[in-house]
N, C-alpha and C. Protein backbone atom coordinates (compact mmCIF):
# COMPACT_ATOMS: atom_id res chain seq x y z
N MET A 1 0.84 -1.20 0.00
CA MET A 1 0.00 0.00 0.00
C MET A 1 0.87 1.25 0.00
N LYS A 2 0.39 2.30 -0.65
CA LYS A 2 1.15 3.54 -0.75
C LYS A 2 1.50 4.11 0.61
N VAL A 3 0.57 4.00 1.54
CA VAL A 3 0.79 4.60 2.85
C VAL A 3 2.00 4.00 3.55
N GLN A 4 2.42 2.81 3.13
CA GLN A 4 3.55 2.14 3.75
C GLN A 4 4.88 2.50 3.08
N MET A 5 4.83 3.21 1.99
CA MET A 5 6.06 3.53 1.27
C MET A 5 6.90 4.54 2.04
N LYS A 6 8.19 4.26 2.12
CA LYS A 6 9.15 5.19 2.70
C LYS A 6 10.25 5.39 1.66
N VAL A 7 10.40 6.60 1.19
CA VAL A 7 11.40 6.91 0.18
C VAL A 7 12.39 7.93 0.75
N ALA A 8 13.66 7.57 0.75
CA ALA A 8 14.71 8.43 1.28
C ALA A 8 15.55 8.98 0.14
N ILE A 9 15.73 10.30 0.13
CA ILE A 9 16.57 10.93 -0.90
C ILE A 9 17.62 11.79 -0.21
N ASP A 10 18.87 11.41 -0.36
CA ASP A 10 19.97 12.17 0.22
C ASP A 10 20.82 12.77 -0.89
N GLY A 11 21.70 13.69 -0.49
CA GLY A 11 22.60 14.28 -1.46
C GLY A 11 23.09 15.64 -1.01
N PRO A 12 24.10 16.17 -1.68
CA PRO A 12 24.70 17.45 -1.30
C PRO A 12 23.84 18.65 -1.69
N ALA A 13 24.25 19.82 -1.24
CA ALA A 13 23.54 21.06 -1.54
C ALA A 13 23.48 21.31 -3.04
N GLY A 14 22.29 21.71 -3.51
CA GLY A 14 22.14 22.07 -4.90
C GLY A 14 21.95 20.93 -5.87
N ALA A 15 21.77 19.72 -5.36
CA ALA A 15 21.61 18.56 -6.24
C ALA A 15 20.20 18.45 -6.81
N GLY A 16 19.29 19.27 -6.30
CA GLY A 16 17.91 19.23 -6.78
C GLY A 16 17.01 18.31 -5.99
N LYS A 17 17.41 17.96 -4.78
CA LYS A 17 16.66 17.01 -3.96
C LYS A 17 15.22 17.46 -3.71
N SER A 18 15.05 18.70 -3.28
CA SER A 18 13.72 19.17 -2.90
C SER A 18 12.76 19.17 -4.08
N THR A 19 13.20 19.67 -5.21
CA THR A 19 12.35 19.72 -6.40
C THR A 19 11.96 18.32 -6.85
N VAL A 20 12.94 17.44 -6.90
CA VAL A 20 12.69 16.06 -7.32
C VAL A 20 11.80 15.34 -6.31
N ALA A 21 12.08 15.51 -5.03
CA ALA A 21 11.32 14.83 -3.99
C ALA A 21 9.85 15.25 -3.99
N LYS A 22 9.60 16.54 -4.18
CA LYS A 22 8.22 17.03 -4.22
C LYS A 22 7.47 16.42 -5.40
N LYS A 23 8.08 16.40 -6.57
CA LYS A 23 7.42 15.83 -7.75
C LYS A 23 7.22 14.33 -7.59
N LEU A 24 8.19 13.66 -6.98
CA LEU A 24 8.08 12.22 -6.75
C LEU A 24 6.93 11.92 -5.80
N ALA A 25 6.82 12.72 -4.74
CA ALA A 25 5.74 12.53 -3.78
C ALA A 25 4.38 12.73 -4.45
N ASP A 26 4.29 13.72 -5.32
CA ASP A 26 3.04 13.96 -6.04
C ASP A 26 2.69 12.76 -6.93
N ARG A 27 3.70 12.21 -7.60
CA ARG A 27 3.47 11.08 -8.49
C ARG A 27 3.00 9.84 -7.72
N LEU A 28 3.54 9.66 -6.53
CA LEU A 28 3.25 8.46 -5.75
C LEU A 28 2.12 8.64 -4.74
N GLY A 29 1.64 9.86 -4.59
CA GLY A 29 0.58 10.12 -3.63
C GLY A 29 1.04 10.04 -2.19
N LEU A 30 2.28 10.46 -1.94
CA LEU A 30 2.85 10.40 -0.60
C LEU A 30 3.09 11.80 -0.04
N LEU A 31 3.32 11.88 1.26
CA LEU A 31 3.62 13.15 1.91
C LEU A 31 5.09 13.50 1.69
N TYR A 32 5.37 14.73 1.30
CA TYR A 32 6.74 15.18 1.10
C TYR A 32 7.23 15.93 2.33
N ILE A 33 8.40 15.55 2.82
CA ILE A 33 9.01 16.21 3.97
C ILE A 33 10.40 16.70 3.61
N ASP A 34 10.60 18.01 3.63
CA ASP A 34 11.88 18.63 3.35
C ASP A 34 12.62 18.84 4.67
N THR A 35 13.45 17.88 5.04
CA THR A 35 14.12 17.97 6.34
C THR A 35 15.13 19.10 6.40
N GLY A 36 15.70 19.45 5.26
CA GLY A 36 16.67 20.54 5.26
C GLY A 36 16.06 21.84 5.70
N SER A 37 14.77 22.04 5.38
CA SER A 37 14.10 23.27 5.78
C SER A 37 13.99 23.38 7.30
N MET A 38 13.97 22.24 7.98
CA MET A 38 13.88 22.26 9.44
C MET A 38 15.19 22.78 10.04
N TYR A 39 16.31 22.33 9.48
CA TYR A 39 17.61 22.83 9.95
C TYR A 39 17.78 24.31 9.58
N ARG A 40 17.26 24.70 8.44
CA ARG A 40 17.32 26.09 8.03
C ARG A 40 16.48 26.97 8.97
N ALA A 41 15.34 26.44 9.40
CA ALA A 41 14.47 27.19 10.31
C ALA A 41 15.17 27.45 11.64
N VAL A 42 15.85 26.43 12.15
CA VAL A 42 16.59 26.61 13.40
C VAL A 42 17.72 27.62 13.21
N THR A 43 18.38 27.56 12.05
CA THR A 43 19.46 28.50 11.74
C THR A 43 18.93 29.93 11.68
N LEU A 44 17.78 30.11 11.03
CA LEU A 44 17.16 31.44 10.95
C LEU A 44 16.84 31.96 12.34
N LYS A 45 16.29 31.09 13.18
CA LYS A 45 15.94 31.50 14.55
C LYS A 45 17.19 31.90 15.33
N ALA A 46 18.27 31.18 15.11
CA ALA A 46 19.53 31.50 15.78
C ALA A 46 20.04 32.88 15.35
N LEU A 47 19.92 33.16 14.06
CA LEU A 47 20.32 34.47 13.55
C LEU A 47 19.46 35.57 14.14
N GLN A 48 18.16 35.34 14.18
CA GLN A 48 17.24 36.33 14.73
C GLN A 48 17.48 36.57 16.21
N SER A 49 17.86 35.49 16.91
CA SER A 49 18.09 35.57 18.36
C SER A 49 19.53 35.95 18.71
N GLN A 50 20.36 36.12 17.67
CA GLN A 50 21.77 36.47 17.83
C GLN A 50 22.52 35.47 18.71
N ILE A 51 22.22 34.19 18.49
CA ILE A 51 22.91 33.12 19.21
C ILE A 51 24.17 32.76 18.44
N SER A 52 25.26 32.61 19.14
CA SER A 52 26.53 32.26 18.51
C SER A 52 26.47 30.85 17.93
N PHE A 53 26.98 30.69 16.71
CA PHE A 53 26.97 29.37 16.09
C PHE A 53 28.03 28.45 16.71
N GLY A 54 28.79 28.98 17.63
CA GLY A 54 29.74 28.17 18.36
C GLY A 54 29.19 27.69 19.69
N ASP A 55 27.98 28.13 20.03
CA ASP A 55 27.35 27.77 21.30
C ASP A 55 26.43 26.57 21.08
N ALA A 56 26.98 25.38 21.12
CA ALA A 56 26.22 24.15 20.85
C ALA A 56 25.09 23.94 21.85
N GLU A 57 25.33 24.29 23.11
CA GLU A 57 24.31 24.07 24.15
C GLU A 57 23.07 24.93 23.88
N GLN A 58 23.28 26.19 23.56
CA GLN A 58 22.15 27.08 23.31
C GLN A 58 21.41 26.69 22.04
N LEU A 59 22.15 26.29 21.02
CA LEU A 59 21.52 25.89 19.77
C LEU A 59 20.71 24.60 19.95
N GLY A 60 21.21 23.71 20.78
CA GLY A 60 20.48 22.49 21.08
C GLY A 60 19.16 22.79 21.79
N ARG A 61 19.19 23.71 22.73
CA ARG A 61 17.97 24.11 23.43
C ARG A 61 17.00 24.79 22.47
N LEU A 62 17.55 25.57 21.57
CA LEU A 62 16.71 26.26 20.59
C LEU A 62 15.95 25.26 19.72
N ALA A 63 16.66 24.23 19.25
CA ALA A 63 16.03 23.22 18.40
C ALA A 63 14.92 22.47 19.13
N ALA A 64 15.05 22.38 20.44
CA ALA A 64 14.07 21.65 21.25
C ALA A 64 12.84 22.49 21.57
N THR A 65 12.94 23.80 21.42
CA THR A 65 11.85 24.67 21.84
C THR A 65 11.09 25.35 20.69
N VAL A 66 11.75 25.53 19.54
CA VAL A 66 11.05 26.19 18.44
C VAL A 66 9.98 25.26 17.85
N LYS A 67 8.94 25.85 17.31
CA LYS A 67 7.88 25.08 16.67
C LYS A 67 8.01 25.21 15.16
N ILE A 68 8.30 24.10 14.49
CA ILE A 68 8.47 24.09 13.04
C ILE A 68 7.33 23.28 12.42
N GLU A 69 6.62 23.90 11.50
CA GLU A 69 5.52 23.24 10.81
C GLU A 69 5.79 23.23 9.31
N LEU A 70 5.60 22.08 8.69
CA LEU A 70 5.75 21.94 7.24
C LEU A 70 4.36 21.70 6.66
N VAL A 71 3.92 22.65 5.84
CA VAL A 71 2.56 22.59 5.30
C VAL A 71 2.60 22.32 3.80
N PRO A 72 2.01 21.22 3.33
CA PRO A 72 2.00 20.92 1.90
C PRO A 72 1.28 22.00 1.10
N GLY A 73 1.68 22.16 -0.17
CA GLY A 73 0.96 23.10 -1.02
C GLY A 73 1.83 24.03 -1.82
N ASN A 74 3.03 24.34 -1.33
CA ASN A 74 3.91 25.22 -2.07
C ASN A 74 4.44 24.49 -3.30
N GLU A 75 4.48 25.17 -4.46
CA GLU A 75 4.91 24.53 -5.70
C GLU A 75 6.31 23.94 -5.59
N ALA A 76 7.19 24.61 -4.85
CA ALA A 76 8.57 24.15 -4.74
C ALA A 76 8.74 23.13 -3.62
N GLY A 77 7.67 22.85 -2.89
CA GLY A 77 7.77 21.90 -1.79
C GLY A 77 6.77 22.23 -0.71
N CYS A 78 7.24 22.30 0.53
CA CYS A 78 6.37 22.64 1.66
C CYS A 78 6.51 24.12 2.02
N LYS A 79 5.44 24.68 2.55
CA LYS A 79 5.56 25.99 3.19
C LYS A 79 6.08 25.73 4.59
N VAL A 80 6.98 26.58 5.05
CA VAL A 80 7.61 26.38 6.35
C VAL A 80 7.20 27.49 7.31
N PHE A 81 6.69 27.07 8.46
CA PHE A 81 6.30 28.02 9.48
C PHE A 81 7.18 27.84 10.71
N LEU A 82 7.70 28.93 11.21
CA LEU A 82 8.57 28.93 12.38
C LEU A 82 7.89 29.74 13.48
N ASP A 83 7.50 29.04 14.54
CA ASP A 83 6.76 29.69 15.63
C ASP A 83 5.58 30.48 15.09
N GLY A 84 4.88 29.89 14.12
CA GLY A 84 3.67 30.50 13.58
C GLY A 84 3.87 31.46 12.43
N GLN A 85 5.11 31.78 12.09
CA GLN A 85 5.40 32.74 11.03
C GLN A 85 5.88 32.02 9.77
N ASP A 86 5.37 32.43 8.62
CA ASP A 86 5.77 31.84 7.34
C ASP A 86 7.19 32.31 7.01
N VAL A 87 8.13 31.36 7.01
CA VAL A 87 9.54 31.69 6.74
C VAL A 87 10.05 30.96 5.50
N THR A 88 9.13 30.54 4.63
CA THR A 88 9.48 29.75 3.46
C THR A 88 10.57 30.42 2.63
N LYS A 89 10.45 31.72 2.42
CA LYS A 89 11.44 32.46 1.63
C LYS A 89 12.66 32.83 2.48
N ALA A 90 12.42 33.21 3.71
CA ALA A 90 13.51 33.68 4.57
C ALA A 90 14.57 32.62 4.82
N ILE A 91 14.17 31.35 4.89
CA ILE A 91 15.16 30.30 5.17
C ILE A 91 16.04 29.99 3.97
N ARG A 92 15.72 30.56 2.81
CA ARG A 92 16.54 30.37 1.61
C ARG A 92 17.50 31.52 1.37
N GLU A 93 17.51 32.49 2.26
CA GLU A 93 18.41 33.63 2.11
C GLU A 93 19.87 33.16 2.25
N PRO A 94 20.80 33.80 1.53
CA PRO A 94 22.21 33.41 1.59
C PRO A 94 22.79 33.33 3.00
N GLN A 95 22.38 34.23 3.88
CA GLN A 95 22.92 34.21 5.24
C GLN A 95 22.58 32.91 5.96
N VAL A 96 21.38 32.39 5.71
CA VAL A 96 20.98 31.11 6.30
C VAL A 96 21.75 29.97 5.65
N SER A 97 21.85 30.00 4.33
CA SER A 97 22.57 28.95 3.60
C SER A 97 24.02 28.84 4.05
N ASN A 98 24.62 29.98 4.35
CA ASN A 98 26.04 30.00 4.73
C ASN A 98 26.30 29.51 6.15
N HIS A 99 25.24 29.38 6.96
CA HIS A 99 25.44 28.98 8.36
C HIS A 99 24.74 27.68 8.75
N VAL A 100 23.89 27.15 7.86
CA VAL A 100 23.08 25.99 8.24
C VAL A 100 23.93 24.76 8.57
N SER A 101 25.07 24.58 7.89
CA SER A 101 25.91 23.42 8.19
C SER A 101 26.50 23.48 9.58
N LEU A 102 26.71 24.70 10.09
CA LEU A 102 27.23 24.87 11.45
C LEU A 102 26.20 24.40 12.48
N VAL A 103 24.94 24.63 12.17
CA VAL A 103 23.86 24.21 13.07
C VAL A 103 23.61 22.71 12.92
N ALA A 104 23.63 22.23 11.69
CA ALA A 104 23.30 20.83 11.41
C ALA A 104 24.31 19.83 11.98
N LYS A 105 25.51 20.29 12.29
CA LYS A 105 26.52 19.37 12.80
C LYS A 105 26.44 19.17 14.31
N ILE A 106 25.57 19.94 14.98
CA ILE A 106 25.46 19.86 16.43
C ILE A 106 24.60 18.66 16.85
N PRO A 107 25.14 17.72 17.62
CA PRO A 107 24.41 16.50 17.98
C PRO A 107 23.03 16.74 18.58
N ALA A 108 22.91 17.70 19.50
CA ALA A 108 21.62 17.94 20.16
C ALA A 108 20.57 18.44 19.17
N VAL A 109 21.00 19.23 18.21
CA VAL A 109 20.08 19.73 17.19
C VAL A 109 19.60 18.56 16.32
N ARG A 110 20.52 17.74 15.87
CA ARG A 110 20.18 16.61 15.02
C ARG A 110 19.28 15.62 15.74
N LYS A 111 19.59 15.34 17.00
CA LYS A 111 18.79 14.39 17.76
C LYS A 111 17.33 14.83 17.83
N ASN A 112 17.12 16.11 18.10
CA ASN A 112 15.76 16.63 18.24
C ASN A 112 15.01 16.60 16.92
N LEU A 113 15.64 17.05 15.85
CA LEU A 113 14.96 17.12 14.56
C LEU A 113 14.76 15.74 13.94
N VAL A 114 15.72 14.85 14.12
CA VAL A 114 15.57 13.48 13.60
C VAL A 114 14.38 12.80 14.26
N LYS A 115 14.21 13.02 15.55
CA LYS A 115 13.06 12.44 16.28
C LYS A 115 11.75 12.94 15.69
N GLN A 116 11.67 14.23 15.39
CA GLN A 116 10.47 14.79 14.79
C GLN A 116 10.21 14.17 13.41
N GLN A 117 11.26 14.00 12.64
CA GLN A 117 11.13 13.44 11.29
C GLN A 117 10.68 11.98 11.34
N GLN A 118 11.21 11.22 12.28
CA GLN A 118 10.83 9.82 12.40
C GLN A 118 9.39 9.68 12.89
N ASP A 119 8.95 10.59 13.74
CA ASP A 119 7.57 10.57 14.23
C ASP A 119 6.60 10.78 13.07
N ILE A 120 6.95 11.69 12.16
CA ILE A 120 6.09 11.94 11.00
C ILE A 120 5.99 10.69 10.13
N ALA A 121 7.14 10.09 9.85
CA ALA A 121 7.18 8.91 8.97
C ALA A 121 6.53 7.68 9.58
N ALA A 122 6.37 7.67 10.90
CA ALA A 122 5.77 6.52 11.57
C ALA A 122 4.26 6.44 11.33
N HIS A 123 3.68 7.53 10.87
CA HIS A 123 2.22 7.58 10.72
C HIS A 123 1.73 7.61 9.28
N CYS A 124 2.63 7.74 8.32
CA CYS A 124 2.18 7.79 6.93
C CYS A 124 3.33 7.51 5.97
N GLY A 125 2.99 7.25 4.71
CA GLY A 125 4.01 7.06 3.70
C GLY A 125 4.63 8.41 3.35
N VAL A 126 5.94 8.44 3.17
CA VAL A 126 6.62 9.72 2.93
C VAL A 126 7.71 9.61 1.86
N VAL A 127 7.97 10.76 1.25
CA VAL A 127 9.19 10.98 0.49
C VAL A 127 9.93 12.03 1.30
N MET A 128 11.09 11.67 1.79
CA MET A 128 11.83 12.56 2.67
C MET A 128 13.22 12.82 2.10
N ASP A 129 13.61 14.08 2.04
CA ASP A 129 14.94 14.37 1.51
C ASP A 129 15.78 15.13 2.53
N GLY A 130 17.10 14.91 2.43
CA GLY A 130 18.02 15.56 3.36
C GLY A 130 19.44 15.09 3.12
N ARG A 131 20.17 14.88 4.22
CA ARG A 131 21.56 14.44 4.10
C ARG A 131 21.86 13.18 4.89
N ASP A 132 20.89 12.74 5.69
CA ASP A 132 21.10 11.52 6.47
C ASP A 132 19.83 10.69 6.54
N ILE A 133 18.98 10.81 5.54
CA ILE A 133 17.68 10.12 5.60
C ILE A 133 17.86 8.61 5.50
N GLY A 134 18.61 8.16 4.51
CA GLY A 134 18.80 6.73 4.33
C GLY A 134 19.67 6.08 5.38
N THR A 135 20.58 6.85 5.95
CA THR A 135 21.51 6.29 6.94
C THR A 135 21.03 6.44 8.38
N ARG A 136 20.23 7.47 8.65
CA ARG A 136 19.88 7.77 10.05
C ARG A 136 18.37 7.88 10.29
N VAL A 137 17.67 8.66 9.49
CA VAL A 137 16.26 8.93 9.76
C VAL A 137 15.37 7.75 9.37
N LEU A 138 15.55 7.24 8.15
CA LEU A 138 14.74 6.12 7.67
C LEU A 138 15.64 4.98 7.19
N PRO A 139 16.41 4.38 8.07
CA PRO A 139 17.33 3.32 7.66
C PRO A 139 16.62 2.08 7.13
N ASP A 140 15.31 1.94 7.46
CA ASP A 140 14.57 0.76 7.01
C ASP A 140 13.77 1.02 5.74
N ALA A 141 13.94 2.20 5.14
CA ALA A 141 13.23 2.50 3.89
C ALA A 141 13.71 1.55 2.79
N LYS A 142 12.77 1.04 2.01
CA LYS A 142 13.14 0.12 0.93
C LYS A 142 13.69 0.87 -0.28
N ALA A 143 13.24 2.11 -0.47
CA ALA A 143 13.69 2.91 -1.61
C ALA A 143 14.59 4.04 -1.13
N LYS A 144 15.87 3.95 -1.46
CA LYS A 144 16.83 4.96 -1.05
C LYS A 144 17.61 5.47 -2.27
N PHE A 145 17.74 6.78 -2.33
CA PHE A 145 18.48 7.39 -3.44
C PHE A 145 19.51 8.38 -2.91
N PHE A 146 20.62 8.48 -3.62
CA PHE A 146 21.62 9.51 -3.33
C PHE A 146 21.76 10.32 -4.60
N LEU A 147 21.21 11.54 -4.57
CA LEU A 147 21.17 12.40 -5.75
C LEU A 147 22.32 13.40 -5.70
N THR A 148 23.11 13.42 -6.75
CA THR A 148 24.26 14.32 -6.77
C THR A 148 24.40 14.97 -8.14
N ALA A 149 25.40 15.82 -8.30
CA ALA A 149 25.74 16.47 -9.56
C ALA A 149 27.08 17.14 -9.34
N THR A 150 27.73 17.58 -10.41
CA THR A 150 29.01 18.25 -10.24
C THR A 150 28.82 19.55 -9.47
N ILE A 151 29.86 20.01 -8.81
CA ILE A 151 29.78 21.27 -8.06
C ILE A 151 29.40 22.42 -8.99
N GLU A 152 29.97 22.43 -10.19
CA GLU A 152 29.67 23.50 -11.14
C GLU A 152 28.19 23.51 -11.51
N GLU A 153 27.63 22.33 -11.74
CA GLU A 153 26.22 22.23 -12.10
C GLU A 153 25.34 22.68 -10.93
N ARG A 154 25.70 22.27 -9.72
CA ARG A 154 24.91 22.66 -8.56
C ARG A 154 24.98 24.16 -8.30
N ALA A 155 26.15 24.73 -8.53
CA ALA A 155 26.32 26.18 -8.33
C ALA A 155 25.49 26.96 -9.35
N LYS A 156 25.44 26.48 -10.59
CA LYS A 156 24.65 27.16 -11.62
C LYS A 156 23.16 27.14 -11.26
N ARG A 157 22.70 26.01 -10.73
CA ARG A 157 21.29 25.91 -10.33
C ARG A 157 20.99 26.87 -9.19
N ARG A 158 21.89 26.91 -8.23
CA ARG A 158 21.72 27.80 -7.08
C ARG A 158 21.76 29.26 -7.52
N LEU A 159 22.63 29.57 -8.46
CA LEU A 159 22.75 30.94 -8.97
C LEU A 159 21.43 31.38 -9.62
N GLN A 160 20.84 30.49 -10.37
CA GLN A 160 19.56 30.80 -11.02
C GLN A 160 18.48 31.09 -9.99
N ASP A 161 18.43 30.27 -8.94
CA ASP A 161 17.44 30.47 -7.87
C ASP A 161 17.64 31.82 -7.19
N LEU A 162 18.90 32.15 -6.88
CA LEU A 162 19.20 33.40 -6.18
C LEU A 162 18.87 34.62 -7.04
N LYS A 163 19.14 34.52 -8.33
CA LYS A 163 18.82 35.63 -9.23
C LYS A 163 17.33 35.88 -9.28
N GLN A 164 16.55 34.80 -9.26
CA GLN A 164 15.09 34.93 -9.26
C GLN A 164 14.59 35.58 -7.97
N GLN A 165 15.38 35.43 -6.90
CA GLN A 165 15.03 36.03 -5.61
C GLN A 165 15.58 37.45 -5.47
N GLY A 166 16.31 37.90 -6.49
CA GLY A 166 16.83 39.26 -6.46
C GLY A 166 18.21 39.43 -5.88
N HIS A 167 18.94 38.31 -5.69
CA HIS A 167 20.29 38.38 -5.12
C HIS A 167 21.33 38.41 -6.24
N ASP A 168 22.39 39.15 -6.00
CA ASP A 168 23.48 39.26 -6.97
C ASP A 168 24.74 38.63 -6.38
N ILE A 169 25.16 37.50 -6.92
CA ILE A 169 26.33 36.79 -6.40
C ILE A 169 27.03 36.11 -7.57
N SER A 170 28.35 36.01 -7.50
CA SER A 170 29.09 35.44 -8.62
C SER A 170 29.07 33.91 -8.57
N LEU A 171 29.17 33.29 -9.74
CA LEU A 171 29.22 31.83 -9.83
C LEU A 171 30.45 31.30 -9.10
N LYS A 172 31.57 31.99 -9.22
CA LYS A 172 32.81 31.57 -8.56
C LYS A 172 32.64 31.50 -7.05
N LYS A 173 31.97 32.50 -6.49
CA LYS A 173 31.75 32.53 -5.05
C LYS A 173 30.84 31.38 -4.62
N LEU A 174 29.81 31.12 -5.42
CA LEU A 174 28.89 30.03 -5.11
C LEU A 174 29.59 28.67 -5.15
N ILE A 175 30.44 28.47 -6.14
CA ILE A 175 31.19 27.21 -6.23
C ILE A 175 32.03 27.01 -4.98
N SER A 176 32.67 28.09 -4.53
CA SER A 176 33.49 28.03 -3.32
C SER A 176 32.65 27.71 -2.09
N GLU A 177 31.50 28.36 -1.97
CA GLU A 177 30.63 28.15 -0.81
C GLU A 177 30.07 26.73 -0.78
N ILE A 178 29.67 26.22 -1.95
CA ILE A 178 29.11 24.87 -2.01
C ILE A 178 30.18 23.83 -1.70
N ALA A 179 31.38 24.05 -2.20
CA ALA A 179 32.49 23.12 -1.93
C ALA A 179 32.79 23.09 -0.43
N GLU A 180 32.75 24.27 0.20
CA GLU A 180 33.01 24.34 1.65
C GLU A 180 31.91 23.63 2.42
N ARG A 181 30.67 23.81 1.98
CA ARG A 181 29.55 23.17 2.66
C ARG A 181 29.62 21.65 2.49
N ASP A 182 30.00 21.20 1.30
CA ASP A 182 30.17 19.76 1.07
C ASP A 182 31.17 19.17 2.07
N THR A 183 32.28 19.87 2.24
CA THR A 183 33.33 19.40 3.15
C THR A 183 32.82 19.29 4.58
N MET A 184 32.08 20.32 5.01
CA MET A 184 31.53 20.31 6.37
C MET A 184 30.53 19.19 6.55
N ASP A 185 29.63 19.02 5.57
CA ASP A 185 28.60 17.99 5.69
C ASP A 185 29.18 16.58 5.66
N GLN A 186 30.20 16.38 4.84
CA GLN A 186 30.79 15.05 4.69
C GLN A 186 31.68 14.67 5.86
N ASN A 187 32.19 15.65 6.58
CA ASN A 187 33.16 15.37 7.64
C ASN A 187 32.67 15.64 9.05
N ARG A 188 31.38 15.96 9.20
CA ARG A 188 30.88 16.19 10.55
C ARG A 188 30.89 14.88 11.32
N ALA A 189 31.05 14.98 12.62
CA ALA A 189 31.18 13.79 13.47
C ALA A 189 29.88 13.01 13.58
N VAL A 190 28.75 13.72 13.54
CA VAL A 190 27.44 13.07 13.72
C VAL A 190 26.68 13.05 12.40
N ASP A 191 26.24 11.86 11.98
CA ASP A 191 25.44 11.69 10.76
C ASP A 191 26.02 12.42 9.55
N PRO A 192 27.23 12.08 9.14
CA PRO A 192 27.83 12.75 7.99
C PRO A 192 27.09 12.44 6.69
N LEU A 193 27.32 13.28 5.69
CA LEU A 193 26.70 13.08 4.39
C LEU A 193 27.44 11.99 3.63
N ILE A 194 26.87 10.80 3.63
CA ILE A 194 27.42 9.68 2.88
C ILE A 194 26.26 8.84 2.34
N PRO A 195 26.43 8.21 1.18
CA PRO A 195 25.35 7.35 0.68
C PRO A 195 25.21 6.12 1.56
N SER A 196 23.99 5.69 1.81
CA SER A 196 23.81 4.43 2.52
C SER A 196 24.24 3.32 1.58
N GLU A 197 24.63 2.20 2.14
CA GLU A 197 25.15 1.10 1.33
C GLU A 197 24.15 0.59 0.30
N ASP A 198 22.86 0.72 0.60
CA ASP A 198 21.84 0.21 -0.32
C ASP A 198 21.18 1.31 -1.14
N ALA A 199 21.77 2.49 -1.19
CA ALA A 199 21.19 3.59 -1.95
C ALA A 199 21.53 3.49 -3.43
N ILE A 200 20.61 3.92 -4.25
CA ILE A 200 20.84 4.04 -5.69
C ILE A 200 21.40 5.43 -5.95
N ILE A 201 22.60 5.50 -6.49
CA ILE A 201 23.24 6.80 -6.73
C ILE A 201 22.86 7.32 -8.12
N ILE A 202 22.35 8.54 -8.14
CA ILE A 202 21.94 9.17 -9.40
C ILE A 202 22.70 10.48 -9.58
N ASP A 203 23.46 10.57 -10.65
CA ASP A 203 24.14 11.82 -10.99
C ASP A 203 23.22 12.58 -11.94
N SER A 204 22.68 13.71 -11.47
CA SER A 204 21.69 14.44 -12.25
C SER A 204 22.31 15.44 -13.22
N THR A 205 23.63 15.50 -13.29
CA THR A 205 24.29 16.40 -14.23
C THR A 205 23.85 16.05 -15.66
N GLY A 206 23.27 17.02 -16.33
CA GLY A 206 22.83 16.77 -17.71
C GLY A 206 21.46 16.15 -17.84
N LEU A 207 20.83 15.81 -16.71
CA LEU A 207 19.49 15.22 -16.74
C LEU A 207 18.44 16.27 -16.40
N THR A 208 17.26 16.14 -16.98
CA THR A 208 16.17 17.02 -16.60
C THR A 208 15.53 16.52 -15.31
N ILE A 209 14.77 17.39 -14.66
CA ILE A 209 14.07 16.99 -13.44
C ILE A 209 13.13 15.82 -13.73
N GLU A 210 12.44 15.91 -14.87
CA GLU A 210 11.48 14.87 -15.24
C GLU A 210 12.16 13.51 -15.44
N GLN A 211 13.37 13.53 -16.00
CA GLN A 211 14.10 12.29 -16.21
C GLN A 211 14.49 11.65 -14.89
N VAL A 212 14.92 12.47 -13.94
CA VAL A 212 15.31 11.96 -12.62
C VAL A 212 14.08 11.40 -11.90
N VAL A 213 12.98 12.13 -11.95
CA VAL A 213 11.76 11.68 -11.28
C VAL A 213 11.27 10.37 -11.87
N GLU A 214 11.28 10.25 -13.19
CA GLU A 214 10.80 9.04 -13.84
C GLU A 214 11.66 7.84 -13.45
N LEU A 215 12.96 8.05 -13.37
CA LEU A 215 13.85 6.97 -12.96
C LEU A 215 13.53 6.52 -11.54
N MET A 216 13.29 7.48 -10.65
CA MET A 216 12.97 7.15 -9.26
C MET A 216 11.62 6.44 -9.15
N VAL A 217 10.64 6.91 -9.90
CA VAL A 217 9.31 6.28 -9.87
C VAL A 217 9.43 4.81 -10.22
N GLN A 218 10.18 4.52 -11.26
CA GLN A 218 10.35 3.12 -11.69
C GLN A 218 11.00 2.28 -10.61
N LYS A 219 12.05 2.83 -9.96
CA LYS A 219 12.75 2.09 -8.92
C LYS A 219 11.87 1.87 -7.70
N VAL A 220 11.11 2.90 -7.31
CA VAL A 220 10.23 2.77 -6.14
C VAL A 220 9.17 1.70 -6.40
N LYS A 221 8.60 1.71 -7.57
CA LYS A 221 7.56 0.72 -7.89
C LYS A 221 8.13 -0.70 -7.91
N GLU A 222 9.39 -0.81 -8.31
CA GLU A 222 10.04 -2.12 -8.33
C GLU A 222 10.19 -2.68 -6.91
N VAL A 223 10.68 -1.85 -5.99
CA VAL A 223 10.95 -2.36 -4.63
C VAL A 223 9.69 -2.51 -3.81
N TYR A 224 8.62 -1.77 -4.17
CA TYR A 224 7.36 -1.88 -3.44
C TYR A 224 6.31 -2.66 -4.21
N ALA A 225 6.74 -3.40 -5.23
CA ALA A 225 5.78 -4.19 -6.03
C ALA A 225 5.17 -5.30 -5.20
């Protein structure tokens, strides 16, 4: 049954996880959960509260007390509410993107948010994307994907998104920032960004969103046949 489907999509920044995951969830009739937006929401709250990103204890408490709601309906994924306020656009600002890895590497933050993510998946079928879904959040999911692309391709996609939002930033700077974020995500002590052993690795460089989604749909139907 569809409600029993658990689909995990992991991968680095800019690989297109959120866009692909939302379309896949629509195709399969499942709930889409953008876990990265939850870490972004905590990061935004830390910035608003002027909490030091070196203060792991305070950030851990923050993650345990803020209220994060993911509401289906946004074309790009979920609408994100932080303590009742719509922060869907605010969490995509460059300042948040540049600090989210610092928040995501903190054990107390991850423990709290992973628990919330697992609670959601315990009650319905989901397509969940992030950086540790297949290895940590949904290790028992039958369908696991690791979506990646070259740094240059990911930077170009991110540049296009930022331009649409009115931001002016060079491609060279974005490549540098994404490479730095990759390093932090891959080398953090807790739940590092690595493909699970049973994940299907998809390099989306040169592929359209529709091609990636179609490939995933076929694989999901195979494992849940």
